[in-house]
Amino acid sequence: MIGQRGNTYSVLTCNHVVDHGDSTEYSVTTGDYQNHDVNVSSIEAINDLNLAIFSFRSEIFYPAIRPKRSSFPSVGFGVFLSGYAISLTEPQDSNFRFTPGSIVGLLDPPYPGGYGFVHTASSAQGMGGSPVVDSSGDLIGIHCGVERTESPSPLGLAIPAQALFEDTDVIERLGLDSS
């Protein structure tokens, strides 16, 4: 969750996670294993990025993560990937993962979709849209894909959180500090 206004929460994820034109129902499961119906009409793609925002309502308080706006970390910077992996054999089971890694590449210009950095934090099926955070817990990116290489482990592709500050509508919707 990246924003909150009253009991409405905004969630940032990869657009490909929610871009299923014919879906009329989505739910989100919060860290306390509560399911919340997503307001499908709230799903909004963010420009040319593989990112989307959606909202849900809850009377329960949940803390929101804040995106880091300061200068972007360099190669070698430590990161963590936090999310739920889907079991391919038991789809109803998901496992929380919090994996360490580091930034191993900066993509300039970014790949199509806004992918701006490559990281080594281990991911699994279902972790698209998961936050990439620094050691302070600040959001520095959204994990949206993997890059297949000759190494035994695929490398993660992420969209930098800084990209959110390039759209005034997103800044306003999320209540971000635009300065």
Foldseek 3Di string as FASTA:
>chain_A
DAADDQQKDKAKFFLVVLPPVVDPWDWDQDPVRDIFTWPNVQWDDDPQARMTMTMTGDPDDDDHAHADQDDADDFPAKKWWWDWAADPVDRVDIDTDIFIWTWHAADVVADGNQFGTKIDTADHHPSGGTFIAHPVRHGQWGFHDWDDDPDPGTITTTHGPNVQLVDVVSCVVRVHDND
